Amino acid sequence: MSVSNLAFELADRRAEEERAAGIRRVQEAARGQYQATDGDEVSPFCDCGERIPDARRKAVPTATRCFDCETFIERQSRRRA
């Protein structure tokens, strides 16, 4: 196997692992770990279903994503720009 084929295979494997992890987070959220809030209050839960850490919520009161999800979104935005 050539080096370029190996690189593509590793990238495909990593993408599949990330996809599977995302599916697990959505399934956890669907099982009730995600909790919506009333009114204008910012939810303590991220779209991925994980709770946004209190330290992050204190530092960024309007945060709607956990650090990992926000970092992922920002990187995707930079790649598209």
N, C-alpha and C. Protein backbone atom coordinates (compact mmCIF):
# COMPACT_ATOMS: atom_id res chain seq x y z
N MET A 1 0.86 -1.17 0.00
CA MET A 1 0.00 0.00 0.00
C MET A 1 0.90 1.24 0.00
N SER A 2 0.59 2.18 -0.87
CA SER A 2 1.41 3.39 -0.94
C SER A 2 1.10 4.32 0.22
N VAL A 3 1.99 5.28 0.43
CA VAL A 3 1.82 6.23 1.53
C VAL A 3 0.55 7.05 1.34
N SER A 4 0.28 7.46 0.10
CA SER A 4 -0.93 8.27 -0.14
C SER A 4 -2.20 7.47 0.13
N ASN A 5 -2.21 6.19 -0.25
CA ASN A 5 -3.37 5.35 0.03
C ASN A 5 -3.55 5.15 1.52
N LEU A 6 -2.46 4.99 2.24
CA LEU A 6 -2.51 4.83 3.69
C LEU A 6 -3.08 6.10 4.34
N ALA A 7 -2.65 7.26 3.85
CA ALA A 7 -3.15 8.52 4.39
C ALA A 7 -4.66 8.64 4.18
N PHE A 8 -5.12 8.28 2.99
CA PHE A 8 -6.56 8.33 2.72
C PHE A 8 -7.32 7.33 3.59
N GLU A 9 -6.75 6.15 3.77
CA GLU A 9 -7.41 5.15 4.60
C GLU A 9 -7.51 5.62 6.05
N LEU A 10 -6.44 6.22 6.56
CA LEU A 10 -6.46 6.75 7.93
C LEU A 10 -7.47 7.88 8.07
N ALA A 11 -7.53 8.75 7.06
CA ALA A 11 -8.50 9.85 7.09
C ALA A 11 -9.93 9.31 7.06
N ASP A 12 -10.17 8.31 6.23
CA ASP A 12 -11.50 7.70 6.18
C ASP A 12 -11.87 7.06 7.51
N ARG A 13 -10.92 6.38 8.12
CA ARG A 13 -11.16 5.74 9.41
C ARG A 13 -11.49 6.79 10.48
N ARG A 14 -10.73 7.88 10.48
CA ARG A 14 -10.97 8.96 11.45
C ARG A 14 -12.35 9.58 11.23
N ALA A 15 -12.71 9.81 9.98
CA ALA A 15 -14.02 10.39 9.68
C ALA A 15 -15.14 9.46 10.15
N GLU A 16 -14.97 8.17 9.96
CA GLU A 16 -15.97 7.20 10.40
C GLU A 16 -16.08 7.19 11.92
N GLU A 17 -14.95 7.28 12.62
CA GLU A 17 -14.98 7.32 14.08
C GLU A 17 -15.71 8.57 14.58
N GLU A 18 -15.44 9.71 13.94
CA GLU A 18 -16.11 10.95 14.34
C GLU A 18 -17.61 10.88 14.06
N ARG A 19 -17.97 10.29 12.92
CA ARG A 19 -19.39 10.13 12.58
C ARG A 19 -20.08 9.25 13.61
N ALA A 20 -19.45 8.15 13.97
CA ALA A 20 -20.03 7.24 14.96
C ALA A 20 -20.18 7.93 16.32
N ALA A 21 -19.19 8.72 16.70
CA ALA A 21 -19.27 9.44 17.97
C ALA A 21 -20.41 10.45 17.94
N GLY A 22 -20.58 11.12 16.81
CA GLY A 22 -21.68 12.07 16.67
C GLY A 22 -23.03 11.38 16.77
N ILE A 23 -23.16 10.23 16.16
CA ILE A 23 -24.40 9.47 16.23
C ILE A 23 -24.69 9.07 17.67
N ARG A 24 -23.66 8.64 18.40
CA ARG A 24 -23.86 8.28 19.81
C ARG A 24 -24.35 9.48 20.61
N ARG A 25 -23.77 10.66 20.36
CA ARG A 25 -24.21 11.85 21.10
C ARG A 25 -25.66 12.18 20.79
N VAL A 26 -26.06 12.07 19.53
CA VAL A 26 -27.45 12.35 19.16
C VAL A 26 -28.38 11.33 19.82
N GLN A 27 -27.98 10.07 19.83
CA GLN A 27 -28.81 9.04 20.46
C GLN A 27 -28.95 9.30 21.96
N GLU A 28 -27.87 9.71 22.60
CA GLU A 28 -27.95 10.03 24.03
C GLU A 28 -28.90 11.20 24.27
N ALA A 29 -28.82 12.18 23.39
CA ALA A 29 -29.71 13.34 23.52
C ALA A 29 -31.16 12.91 23.34
N ALA A 30 -31.39 12.01 22.39
CA ALA A 30 -32.76 11.54 22.14
C ALA A 30 -33.30 10.72 23.31
N ARG A 31 -32.43 10.09 24.07
CA ARG A 31 -32.86 9.31 25.23
C ARG A 31 -33.19 10.18 26.43
N GLY A 32 -33.04 11.48 26.29
CA GLY A 32 -33.48 12.36 27.36
C GLY A 32 -32.38 13.08 28.10
N GLN A 33 -31.15 12.94 27.68
CA GLN A 33 -30.09 13.66 28.37
C GLN A 33 -30.11 15.14 27.99
N TYR A 34 -30.70 15.46 26.85
CA TYR A 34 -30.81 16.86 26.43
C TYR A 34 -32.03 17.46 27.10
N GLN A 35 -31.86 18.61 27.71
CA GLN A 35 -32.97 19.25 28.40
C GLN A 35 -33.12 20.68 27.90
N ALA A 36 -34.26 20.98 27.34
CA ALA A 36 -34.53 22.34 26.87
C ALA A 36 -34.89 23.22 28.06
N THR A 37 -34.77 24.52 27.85
CA THR A 37 -35.11 25.47 28.91
C THR A 37 -36.26 26.35 28.44
N ASP A 38 -36.84 27.08 29.35
CA ASP A 38 -37.94 27.97 29.03
C ASP A 38 -37.43 29.36 28.68
N GLY A 39 -38.17 30.04 27.83
CA GLY A 39 -37.91 31.45 27.55
C GLY A 39 -36.55 31.73 26.95
N ASP A 40 -35.97 32.84 27.41
CA ASP A 40 -34.71 33.32 26.85
C ASP A 40 -33.48 32.72 27.53
N GLU A 41 -33.68 31.88 28.51
CA GLU A 41 -32.55 31.28 29.22
C GLU A 41 -31.74 30.39 28.27
N VAL A 42 -30.43 30.49 28.35
CA VAL A 42 -29.56 29.66 27.51
C VAL A 42 -29.51 28.26 28.10
N SER A 43 -29.72 27.26 27.25
CA SER A 43 -29.71 25.87 27.71
C SER A 43 -28.34 25.48 28.25
N PRO A 44 -28.30 24.72 29.33
CA PRO A 44 -27.01 24.25 29.84
C PRO A 44 -26.47 23.06 29.05
N PHE A 45 -27.18 22.66 27.99
CA PHE A 45 -26.77 21.52 27.19
C PHE A 45 -26.43 21.95 25.77
N CYS A 46 -25.40 21.32 25.23
CA CYS A 46 -24.95 21.57 23.86
C CYS A 46 -25.81 20.75 22.90
N ASP A 47 -25.71 21.06 21.61
CA ASP A 47 -26.42 20.29 20.58
C ASP A 47 -26.03 18.82 20.61
N CYS A 48 -24.80 18.54 21.05
CA CYS A 48 -24.32 17.15 21.07
C CYS A 48 -24.91 16.37 22.23
N GLY A 49 -25.61 17.05 23.13
CA GLY A 49 -26.22 16.38 24.26
C GLY A 49 -25.41 16.47 25.54
N GLU A 50 -24.18 16.91 25.43
CA GLU A 50 -23.33 17.05 26.61
C GLU A 50 -23.67 18.35 27.35
N ARG A 51 -23.50 18.33 28.63
CA ARG A 51 -23.72 19.53 29.44
C ARG A 51 -22.56 20.50 29.21
N ILE A 52 -22.89 21.78 29.00
CA ILE A 52 -21.85 22.80 28.86
C ILE A 52 -21.28 23.04 30.26
N PRO A 53 -19.97 22.87 30.44
CA PRO A 53 -19.37 23.02 31.77
C PRO A 53 -19.68 24.38 32.40
N ASP A 54 -19.89 24.37 33.71
CA ASP A 54 -20.22 25.61 34.42
C ASP A 54 -19.14 26.67 34.23
N ALA A 55 -17.88 26.26 34.20
CA ALA A 55 -16.80 27.24 34.01
C ALA A 55 -16.94 27.95 32.66
N ARG A 56 -17.32 27.21 31.63
CA ARG A 56 -17.52 27.84 30.30
C ARG A 56 -18.73 28.75 30.33
N ARG A 57 -19.80 28.30 30.98
CA ARG A 57 -21.01 29.12 31.04
C ARG A 57 -20.77 30.40 31.83
N LYS A 58 -19.89 30.31 32.82
CA LYS A 58 -19.56 31.51 33.60
C LYS A 58 -18.70 32.46 32.77
N ALA A 59 -17.73 31.91 32.03
CA ALA A 59 -16.83 32.73 31.21
C ALA A 59 -17.55 33.32 30.00
N VAL A 60 -18.45 32.52 29.40
CA VAL A 60 -19.20 32.95 28.22
C VAL A 60 -20.68 32.65 28.47
N PRO A 61 -21.39 33.57 29.14
CA PRO A 61 -22.78 33.30 29.53
C PRO A 61 -23.72 32.97 28.37
N THR A 62 -23.39 33.43 27.17
CA THR A 62 -24.25 33.18 26.02
C THR A 62 -23.83 31.93 25.24
N ALA A 63 -22.88 31.17 25.75
CA ALA A 63 -22.39 29.98 25.05
C ALA A 63 -23.53 28.98 24.84
N THR A 64 -23.66 28.52 23.60
CA THR A 64 -24.68 27.53 23.27
C THR A 64 -24.07 26.19 22.89
N ARG A 65 -22.72 26.14 22.88
CA ARG A 65 -22.03 24.91 22.54
C ARG A 65 -20.92 24.65 23.54
N CYS A 66 -20.60 23.37 23.73
CA CYS A 66 -19.44 23.02 24.54
C CYS A 66 -18.17 23.42 23.78
N PHE A 67 -17.05 23.42 24.45
CA PHE A 67 -15.80 23.86 23.84
C PHE A 67 -15.47 23.04 22.60
N ASP A 68 -15.61 21.72 22.69
CA ASP A 68 -15.26 20.86 21.56
C ASP A 68 -16.12 21.15 20.33
N CYS A 69 -17.42 21.30 20.52
CA CYS A 69 -18.32 21.57 19.39
C CYS A 69 -18.04 22.95 18.81
N GLU A 70 -17.81 23.94 19.67
CA GLU A 70 -17.52 25.29 19.18
C GLU A 70 -16.23 25.31 18.38
N THR A 71 -15.22 24.60 18.86
CA THR A 71 -13.94 24.52 18.15
C THR A 71 -14.14 23.86 16.79
N PHE A 72 -14.92 22.79 16.74
CA PHE A 72 -15.20 22.10 15.49
C PHE A 72 -15.89 23.03 14.49
N ILE A 73 -16.91 23.75 14.93
CA ILE A 73 -17.66 24.67 14.06
C ILE A 73 -16.74 25.78 13.54
N GLU A 74 -15.91 26.33 14.42
CA GLU A 74 -15.00 27.40 14.01
C GLU A 74 -13.99 26.90 12.98
N ARG A 75 -13.48 25.70 13.16
CA ARG A 75 -12.52 25.14 12.19
C ARG A 75 -13.20 24.91 10.85
N GLN A 76 -14.43 24.41 10.87
CA GLN A 76 -15.16 24.19 9.62
C GLN A 76 -15.38 25.51 8.90
N SER A 77 -15.71 26.56 9.65
CA SER A 77 -15.95 27.88 9.06
C SER A 77 -14.68 28.42 8.41
N ARG A 78 -13.54 28.24 9.07
CA ARG A 78 -12.26 28.72 8.52
C ARG A 78 -11.90 27.96 7.25
N ARG A 79 -12.20 26.68 7.19
CA ARG A 79 -11.87 25.89 6.00
C ARG A 79 -12.70 26.34 4.80
N ARG A 80 -13.93 26.75 5.05
CA ARG A 80 -14.82 27.17 3.97
C ARG A 80 -14.52 28.58 3.48
N ALA A 81 -13.88 29.36 4.34
CA ALA A 81 -13.59 30.76 3.99
C ALA A 81 -12.41 30.90 3.07
